[in-house]
Amino acid sequence: MTQPNSYGASSGTTASKLAQTFGPSFLTKTALAAAISGVVFATGLAFRFGSPFGVGFAVGLAWGLANGWALAFLLRSMTSGATRGKIPVVIFLKFAVYGLGIWLLVSGLFPPVAMVMGFSWLFVVLVLRALGAMFLHSSIGTRKSVG
């Protein structure tokens, strides 16, 4: 009989492998991947469509990353209970960042489509990483060894 791991799934099972993949570091690694790829993409956009478009994408990216960090912090805080005192501060900062982002959208400093693209970048990377991990883990047990 297999023993459950720290995620509650029996070790060696597909559920265990998925639980380890989508563990606490998954969001952190995804945010890092989104930040690095987003800066590269923003640079390309700036060269192709002009500086305001590239900077608008980068501003939207920063907005999305701040939103993602706040959401991850709130989820971890609510489930662990360790830092409950900071929850109201993070919620306030989350809405303040939303206010600033909305002001930037309507101010016309940057193209709104660039900001929306940047804001969405973290979610695009998150979905692609999750699909890739699920595809990888679903194909692990179906491969046949040669020999």
N, C-alpha and C. Protein backbone atom coordinates (compact mmCIF):
# COMPACT_ATOMS: atom_id res chain seq x y z
N MET A 1 0.85 -1.18 0.00
CA MET A 1 0.00 0.00 0.00
C MET A 1 0.89 1.24 0.00
N THR A 2 0.55 2.20 -0.81
CA THR A 2 1.36 3.42 -0.89
C THR A 2 0.90 4.42 0.15
N GLN A 3 1.85 5.20 0.63
CA GLN A 3 1.57 6.22 1.63
C GLN A 3 1.24 7.54 0.95
N PRO A 4 0.30 8.30 1.52
CA PRO A 4 0.02 9.62 0.93
C PRO A 4 1.18 10.57 1.15
N ASN A 5 1.40 11.44 0.18
CA ASN A 5 2.45 12.44 0.32
C ASN A 5 1.89 13.68 1.01
N SER A 6 2.69 14.74 1.06
CA SER A 6 2.26 15.95 1.76
C SER A 6 1.09 16.65 1.07
N TYR A 7 0.79 16.29 -0.18
CA TYR A 7 -0.34 16.88 -0.89
C TYR A 7 -1.60 16.04 -0.75
N GLY A 8 -1.52 14.90 -0.06
CA GLY A 8 -2.69 14.06 0.17
C GLY A 8 -2.91 12.99 -0.87
N ALA A 9 -2.04 12.89 -1.87
CA ALA A 9 -2.18 11.87 -2.91
C ALA A 9 -1.16 10.77 -2.68
N SER A 10 -1.48 9.57 -3.09
CA SER A 10 -0.55 8.46 -2.96
C SER A 10 0.66 8.72 -3.85
N SER A 11 1.85 8.53 -3.27
CA SER A 11 3.05 8.80 -4.06
C SER A 11 3.15 7.82 -5.21
N GLY A 12 3.61 8.29 -6.34
CA GLY A 12 3.75 7.47 -7.52
C GLY A 12 2.55 7.53 -8.45
N THR A 13 1.44 8.07 -8.00
CA THR A 13 0.25 8.15 -8.84
C THR A 13 0.30 9.41 -9.70
N THR A 14 -0.53 9.42 -10.71
CA THR A 14 -0.62 10.62 -11.56
C THR A 14 -1.08 11.81 -10.74
N ALA A 15 -2.02 11.59 -9.81
CA ALA A 15 -2.50 12.69 -8.96
C ALA A 15 -1.36 13.24 -8.12
N SER A 16 -0.49 12.38 -7.63
CA SER A 16 0.66 12.83 -6.85
C SER A 16 1.60 13.67 -7.69
N LYS A 17 1.85 13.22 -8.92
CA LYS A 17 2.75 13.96 -9.80
C LYS A 17 2.16 15.31 -10.17
N LEU A 18 0.85 15.36 -10.41
CA LEU A 18 0.20 16.64 -10.71
C LEU A 18 0.22 17.55 -9.50
N ALA A 19 0.00 16.99 -8.30
CA ALA A 19 0.01 17.80 -7.08
C ALA A 19 1.39 18.41 -6.86
N GLN A 20 2.44 17.66 -7.16
CA GLN A 20 3.78 18.20 -7.02
C GLN A 20 4.05 19.27 -8.07
N THR A 21 3.57 19.06 -9.28
CA THR A 21 3.77 20.04 -10.35
C THR A 21 3.04 21.34 -10.05
N PHE A 22 1.79 21.24 -9.60
CA PHE A 22 0.99 22.43 -9.34
C PHE A 22 1.06 22.83 -7.87
N GLY A 23 2.18 22.57 -7.24
CA GLY A 23 2.38 22.92 -5.85
C GLY A 23 2.56 24.42 -5.65
N PRO A 24 3.00 24.80 -4.46
CA PRO A 24 3.12 26.23 -4.13
C PRO A 24 4.07 27.01 -5.03
N SER A 25 5.08 26.37 -5.58
CA SER A 25 6.03 27.11 -6.40
C SER A 25 5.55 27.31 -7.84
N PHE A 26 4.45 26.67 -8.22
CA PHE A 26 3.97 26.77 -9.60
C PHE A 26 3.65 28.22 -9.97
N LEU A 27 2.93 28.92 -9.10
CA LEU A 27 2.57 30.32 -9.40
C LEU A 27 3.80 31.22 -9.44
N THR A 28 4.74 30.96 -8.53
CA THR A 28 5.96 31.77 -8.51
C THR A 28 6.76 31.59 -9.79
N LYS A 29 6.92 30.34 -10.22
CA LYS A 29 7.66 30.06 -11.45
C LYS A 29 6.92 30.61 -12.67
N THR A 30 5.61 30.54 -12.64
CA THR A 30 4.82 31.07 -13.75
C THR A 30 4.96 32.58 -13.84
N ALA A 31 4.92 33.26 -12.69
CA ALA A 31 5.08 34.72 -12.69
C ALA A 31 6.45 35.11 -13.20
N LEU A 32 7.47 34.36 -12.82
CA LEU A 32 8.82 34.65 -13.31
C LEU A 32 8.91 34.44 -14.82
N ALA A 33 8.34 33.35 -15.30
CA ALA A 33 8.34 33.09 -16.75
C ALA A 33 7.56 34.17 -17.49
N ALA A 34 6.44 34.60 -16.92
CA ALA A 34 5.64 35.65 -17.56
C ALA A 34 6.38 36.98 -17.57
N ALA A 35 7.08 37.29 -16.48
CA ALA A 35 7.82 38.55 -16.42
C ALA A 35 8.94 38.59 -17.45
N ILE A 36 9.72 37.51 -17.51
CA ILE A 36 10.85 37.48 -18.45
C ILE A 36 10.36 37.49 -19.90
N SER A 37 9.42 36.61 -20.21
CA SER A 37 8.92 36.56 -21.59
C SER A 37 8.16 37.83 -21.95
N GLY A 38 7.48 38.43 -20.97
CA GLY A 38 6.75 39.66 -21.22
C GLY A 38 7.66 40.84 -21.53
N VAL A 39 8.79 40.92 -20.84
CA VAL A 39 9.74 42.00 -21.12
C VAL A 39 10.32 41.83 -22.53
N VAL A 40 10.63 40.60 -22.89
CA VAL A 40 11.14 40.34 -24.24
C VAL A 40 10.08 40.70 -25.28
N PHE A 41 8.83 40.30 -25.03
CA PHE A 41 7.74 40.59 -25.96
C PHE A 41 7.48 42.09 -26.04
N ALA A 42 7.53 42.79 -24.90
CA ALA A 42 7.32 44.24 -24.90
C ALA A 42 8.39 44.95 -25.71
N THR A 43 9.62 44.46 -25.62
CA THR A 43 10.71 45.05 -26.40
C THR A 43 10.44 44.87 -27.90
N GLY A 44 10.01 43.69 -28.28
CA GLY A 44 9.66 43.45 -29.68
C GLY A 44 8.51 44.32 -30.14
N LEU A 45 7.51 44.48 -29.29
CA LEU A 45 6.37 45.34 -29.63
C LEU A 45 6.81 46.79 -29.79
N ALA A 46 7.74 47.24 -28.93
CA ALA A 46 8.22 48.62 -29.01
C ALA A 46 8.95 48.86 -30.32
N PHE A 47 9.75 47.89 -30.75
CA PHE A 47 10.46 48.04 -32.03
C PHE A 47 9.50 47.99 -33.21
N ARG A 48 8.47 47.15 -33.12
CA ARG A 48 7.56 46.96 -34.25
C ARG A 48 6.49 48.05 -34.34
N PHE A 49 5.89 48.40 -33.18
CA PHE A 49 4.74 49.32 -33.19
C PHE A 49 5.02 50.66 -32.52
N GLY A 50 6.21 50.86 -32.01
CA GLY A 50 6.56 52.13 -31.37
C GLY A 50 6.63 52.00 -29.86
N SER A 51 7.35 52.93 -29.28
CA SER A 51 7.58 52.90 -27.83
C SER A 51 6.31 52.94 -27.00
N PRO A 52 5.32 53.78 -27.32
CA PRO A 52 4.11 53.80 -26.48
C PRO A 52 3.43 52.43 -26.39
N PHE A 53 3.44 51.68 -27.49
CA PHE A 53 2.80 50.37 -27.48
C PHE A 53 3.58 49.40 -26.61
N GLY A 54 4.91 49.39 -26.76
CA GLY A 54 5.74 48.50 -25.95
C GLY A 54 5.69 48.85 -24.47
N VAL A 55 5.75 50.15 -24.17
CA VAL A 55 5.68 50.56 -22.76
C VAL A 55 4.29 50.29 -22.20
N GLY A 56 3.25 50.48 -23.01
CA GLY A 56 1.90 50.16 -22.57
C GLY A 56 1.75 48.69 -22.24
N PHE A 57 2.35 47.83 -23.06
CA PHE A 57 2.33 46.39 -22.77
C PHE A 57 3.06 46.12 -21.46
N ALA A 58 4.22 46.76 -21.26
CA ALA A 58 5.00 46.55 -20.04
C ALA A 58 4.24 47.04 -18.81
N VAL A 59 3.55 48.17 -18.93
CA VAL A 59 2.74 48.68 -17.81
C VAL A 59 1.60 47.71 -17.51
N GLY A 60 0.94 47.23 -18.55
CA GLY A 60 -0.12 46.23 -18.35
C GLY A 60 0.42 44.95 -17.74
N LEU A 61 1.63 44.56 -18.16
CA LEU A 61 2.27 43.38 -17.59
C LEU A 61 2.53 43.57 -16.10
N ALA A 62 3.07 44.74 -15.73
CA ALA A 62 3.31 45.02 -14.31
C ALA A 62 2.00 45.01 -13.53
N TRP A 63 0.96 45.55 -14.11
CA TRP A 63 -0.36 45.55 -13.47
C TRP A 63 -0.84 44.12 -13.27
N GLY A 64 -0.72 43.30 -14.29
CA GLY A 64 -1.14 41.90 -14.20
C GLY A 64 -0.32 41.11 -13.20
N LEU A 65 1.00 41.35 -13.16
CA LEU A 65 1.85 40.65 -12.20
C LEU A 65 1.53 41.07 -10.77
N ALA A 66 1.27 42.37 -10.56
CA ALA A 66 0.89 42.83 -9.21
C ALA A 66 -0.44 42.20 -8.80
N ASN A 67 -1.38 42.13 -9.72
CA ASN A 67 -2.66 41.51 -9.46
C ASN A 67 -2.48 40.02 -9.14
N GLY A 68 -1.66 39.34 -9.93
CA GLY A 68 -1.41 37.92 -9.69
C GLY A 68 -0.73 37.66 -8.36
N TRP A 69 0.24 38.52 -8.01
CA TRP A 69 0.91 38.37 -6.72
C TRP A 69 -0.09 38.54 -5.58
N ALA A 70 -0.93 39.58 -5.68
CA ALA A 70 -1.91 39.83 -4.62
C ALA A 70 -2.90 38.67 -4.51
N LEU A 71 -3.34 38.16 -5.63
CA LEU A 71 -4.28 37.03 -5.61
C LEU A 71 -3.63 35.79 -4.99
N ALA A 72 -2.39 35.49 -5.38
CA ALA A 72 -1.68 34.34 -4.80
C ALA A 72 -1.47 34.52 -3.30
N PHE A 73 -1.10 35.74 -2.90
CA PHE A 73 -0.91 36.02 -1.47
C PHE A 73 -2.21 35.82 -0.70
N LEU A 74 -3.31 36.32 -1.26
CA LEU A 74 -4.60 36.17 -0.58
C LEU A 74 -5.01 34.71 -0.48
N LEU A 75 -4.81 33.94 -1.54
CA LEU A 75 -5.16 32.52 -1.50
C LEU A 75 -4.32 31.77 -0.47
N ARG A 76 -3.01 32.04 -0.44
CA ARG A 76 -2.16 31.38 0.54
C ARG A 76 -2.52 31.80 1.96
N SER A 77 -2.81 33.07 2.15
CA SER A 77 -3.15 33.57 3.48
C SER A 77 -4.46 32.99 3.99
N MET A 78 -5.43 32.90 3.11
CA MET A 78 -6.74 32.39 3.53
C MET A 78 -6.70 30.89 3.82
N THR A 79 -5.85 30.16 3.11
CA THR A 79 -5.80 28.72 3.33
C THR A 79 -4.87 28.34 4.47
N SER A 80 -3.82 29.13 4.72
CA SER A 80 -2.89 28.78 5.78
C SER A 80 -3.22 29.47 7.10
N GLY A 81 -3.77 30.66 7.03
CA GLY A 81 -4.11 31.41 8.23
C GLY A 81 -2.91 32.04 8.90
N ALA A 82 -1.72 31.92 8.31
CA ALA A 82 -0.51 32.41 8.95
C ALA A 82 -0.40 33.94 8.94
N THR A 83 -0.83 34.58 7.89
CA THR A 83 -0.65 36.03 7.76
C THR A 83 -1.98 36.74 7.60
N ARG A 84 -2.96 36.35 8.38
CA ARG A 84 -4.30 36.94 8.23
C ARG A 84 -4.33 38.44 8.49
N GLY A 85 -3.42 38.96 9.28
CA GLY A 85 -3.40 40.39 9.57
C GLY A 85 -3.06 41.25 8.37
N LYS A 86 -2.39 40.67 7.39
CA LYS A 86 -1.98 41.43 6.20
C LYS A 86 -3.04 41.41 5.10
N ILE A 87 -4.07 40.60 5.24
CA ILE A 87 -5.08 40.46 4.19
C ILE A 87 -5.76 41.79 3.86
N PRO A 88 -6.22 42.57 4.84
CA PRO A 88 -6.87 43.85 4.48
C PRO A 88 -5.93 44.81 3.75
N VAL A 89 -4.65 44.81 4.12
CA VAL A 89 -3.69 45.69 3.45
C VAL A 89 -3.51 45.28 1.99
N VAL A 90 -3.39 43.98 1.75
CA VAL A 90 -3.21 43.49 0.38
C VAL A 90 -4.46 43.75 -0.45
N ILE A 91 -5.64 43.57 0.14
CA ILE A 91 -6.88 43.86 -0.59
C ILE A 91 -6.94 45.35 -0.95
N PHE A 92 -6.56 46.22 -0.01
CA PHE A 92 -6.54 47.65 -0.29
C PHE A 92 -5.57 47.96 -1.43
N LEU A 93 -4.35 47.37 -1.37
CA LEU A 93 -3.37 47.61 -2.43
C LEU A 93 -3.85 47.07 -3.77
N LYS A 94 -4.53 45.93 -3.74
CA LYS A 94 -5.06 45.34 -4.98
C LYS A 94 -6.04 46.30 -5.64
N PHE A 95 -6.95 46.88 -4.86
CA PHE A 95 -7.91 47.80 -5.44
C PHE A 95 -7.27 49.13 -5.83
N ALA A 96 -6.23 49.55 -5.10
CA ALA A 96 -5.51 50.76 -5.48
C ALA A 96 -4.80 50.57 -6.82
N VAL A 97 -4.21 49.39 -7.02
CA VAL A 97 -3.56 49.10 -8.30
C VAL A 97 -4.59 49.04 -9.42
N TYR A 98 -5.77 48.48 -9.13
CA TYR A 98 -6.84 48.48 -10.14
C TYR A 98 -7.25 49.90 -10.49
N GLY A 99 -7.37 50.76 -9.50
CA GLY A 99 -7.72 52.15 -9.76
C GLY A 99 -6.69 52.84 -10.63
N LEU A 100 -5.41 52.62 -10.32
CA LEU A 100 -4.34 53.19 -11.13
C LEU A 100 -4.37 52.64 -12.56
N GLY A 101 -4.60 51.35 -12.69
CA GLY A 101 -4.67 50.73 -14.01
C GLY A 101 -5.82 51.26 -14.84
N ILE A 102 -6.97 51.42 -14.22
CA ILE A 102 -8.13 51.96 -14.94
C ILE A 102 -7.88 53.40 -15.34
N TRP A 103 -7.25 54.17 -14.45
CA TRP A 103 -6.92 55.55 -14.80
C TRP A 103 -5.98 55.58 -16.00
N LEU A 104 -4.97 54.70 -16.00
CA LEU A 104 -4.05 54.65 -17.14
C LEU A 104 -4.76 54.24 -18.43
N LEU A 105 -5.74 53.34 -18.31
CA LEU A 105 -6.50 52.93 -19.50
C LEU A 105 -7.27 54.09 -20.11
N VAL A 106 -7.92 54.87 -19.28
CA VAL A 106 -8.77 55.95 -19.80
C VAL A 106 -7.99 57.24 -20.05
N SER A 107 -6.77 57.35 -19.52
CA SER A 107 -6.01 58.59 -19.69
C SER A 107 -5.45 58.76 -21.10
N GLY A 108 -5.27 57.65 -21.80
CA GLY A 108 -4.73 57.73 -23.15
C GLY A 108 -3.22 57.84 -23.22
N LEU A 109 -2.52 57.64 -22.10
CA LEU A 109 -1.06 57.69 -22.12
C LEU A 109 -0.47 56.56 -22.96
N PHE A 110 -1.14 55.42 -22.93
CA PHE A 110 -0.69 54.24 -23.68
C PHE A 110 -1.88 53.67 -24.43
N PRO A 111 -1.64 52.97 -25.52
CA PRO A 111 -2.75 52.33 -26.23
C PRO A 111 -3.44 51.31 -25.32
N PRO A 112 -4.75 51.42 -25.16
CA PRO A 112 -5.46 50.50 -24.27
C PRO A 112 -5.29 49.03 -24.65
N VAL A 113 -5.22 48.74 -25.95
CA VAL A 113 -5.07 47.34 -26.36
C VAL A 113 -3.72 46.79 -25.89
N ALA A 114 -2.69 47.61 -25.87
CA ALA A 114 -1.38 47.17 -25.39
C ALA A 114 -1.44 46.87 -23.90
N MET A 115 -2.13 47.71 -23.15
CA MET A 115 -2.24 47.48 -21.71
C MET A 115 -3.05 46.23 -21.41
N VAL A 116 -4.12 46.02 -22.15
CA VAL A 116 -4.94 44.82 -21.94
C VAL A 116 -4.14 43.57 -22.31
N MET A 117 -3.37 43.66 -23.38
CA MET A 117 -2.51 42.52 -23.75
C MET A 117 -1.50 42.23 -22.64
N GLY A 118 -0.88 43.26 -22.10
CA GLY A 118 0.09 43.07 -21.02
C GLY A 118 -0.55 42.51 -19.77
N PHE A 119 -1.73 43.03 -19.43
CA PHE A 119 -2.45 42.54 -18.25
C PHE A 119 -2.79 41.06 -18.40
N SER A 120 -3.13 40.65 -19.60
CA SER A 120 -3.53 39.26 -19.86
C SER A 120 -2.35 38.31 -19.97
N TRP A 121 -1.16 38.83 -20.13
CA TRP A 121 0.01 37.99 -20.39
C TRP A 121 0.22 36.92 -19.31
N LEU A 122 0.11 37.28 -18.04
CA LEU A 122 0.29 36.30 -16.96
C LEU A 122 -0.70 35.16 -17.08
N PHE A 123 -1.94 35.47 -17.41
CA PHE A 123 -2.96 34.44 -17.53
C PHE A 123 -2.70 33.53 -18.73
N VAL A 124 -2.20 34.10 -19.82
CA VAL A 124 -1.86 33.29 -20.99
C VAL A 124 -0.73 32.32 -20.64
N VAL A 125 0.30 32.82 -19.99
CA VAL A 125 1.43 31.97 -19.60
C VAL A 125 0.97 30.92 -18.60
N LEU A 126 0.11 31.29 -17.68
CA LEU A 126 -0.41 30.34 -16.69
C LEU A 126 -1.16 29.19 -17.36
N VAL A 127 -2.04 29.52 -18.29
CA VAL A 127 -2.81 28.49 -18.99
C VAL A 127 -1.88 27.60 -19.82
N LEU A 128 -0.92 28.19 -20.52
CA LEU A 128 -0.01 27.39 -21.34
C LEU A 128 0.86 26.47 -20.48
N ARG A 129 1.34 26.97 -19.34
CA ARG A 129 2.14 26.11 -18.45
C ARG A 129 1.30 24.99 -17.87
N ALA A 130 0.06 25.28 -17.49
CA ALA A 130 -0.81 24.25 -16.92
C ALA A 130 -1.14 23.19 -17.96
N LEU A 131 -1.48 23.62 -19.17
CA LEU A 131 -1.77 22.66 -20.24
C LEU A 131 -0.55 21.81 -20.57
N GLY A 132 0.61 22.43 -20.62
CA GLY A 132 1.83 21.68 -20.88
C GLY A 132 2.12 20.66 -19.80
N ALA A 133 1.94 21.04 -18.55
CA ALA A 133 2.18 20.11 -17.45
C ALA A 133 1.17 18.98 -17.46
N MET A 134 -0.09 19.30 -17.72
CA MET A 134 -1.11 18.25 -17.76
C MET A 134 -0.87 17.30 -18.94
N PHE A 135 -0.48 17.84 -20.08
CA PHE A 135 -0.20 17.00 -21.23
C PHE A 135 0.99 16.11 -20.95
N LEU A 136 2.03 16.66 -20.33
CA LEU A 136 3.22 15.89 -20.01
C LEU A 136 2.88 14.75 -19.06
N HIS A 137 2.11 15.05 -18.01
CA HIS A 137 1.78 14.02 -17.02
C HIS A 137 0.78 13.01 -17.55
N SER A 138 -0.09 13.41 -18.46
CA SER A 138 -1.05 12.45 -19.00
C SER A 138 -0.38 11.48 -19.96
N SER A 139 0.73 11.89 -20.54
CA SER A 139 1.41 11.01 -21.49
C SER A 139 2.49 10.17 -20.82
N ILE A 140 2.78 10.39 -19.54
CA ILE A 140 3.84 9.63 -18.87
C ILE A 140 3.50 8.15 -18.80
N GLY A 141 2.29 7.82 -18.40
CA GLY A 141 1.92 6.43 -18.24
C GLY A 141 1.59 5.72 -19.53
N THR A 142 1.46 6.45 -20.64
CA THR A 142 1.04 5.82 -21.89
C THR A 142 2.21 5.49 -22.81
N ARG A 143 3.41 5.93 -22.46
CA ARG A 143 4.56 5.64 -23.31
C ARG A 143 5.03 4.21 -23.08
N LYS A 144 5.37 3.55 -24.16
CA LYS A 144 5.88 2.19 -24.07
C LYS A 144 7.39 2.24 -24.30
N SER A 145 8.09 1.48 -23.50
CA SER A 145 9.54 1.47 -23.65
C SER A 145 9.94 0.62 -24.85
N VAL A 146 10.99 1.04 -25.50
CA VAL A 146 11.49 0.32 -26.66
C VAL A 146 12.59 -0.61 -26.18
N GLY A 147 12.54 -1.84 -26.61
CA GLY A 147 13.64 -2.73 -26.25
C GLY A 147 13.19 -3.93 -25.63
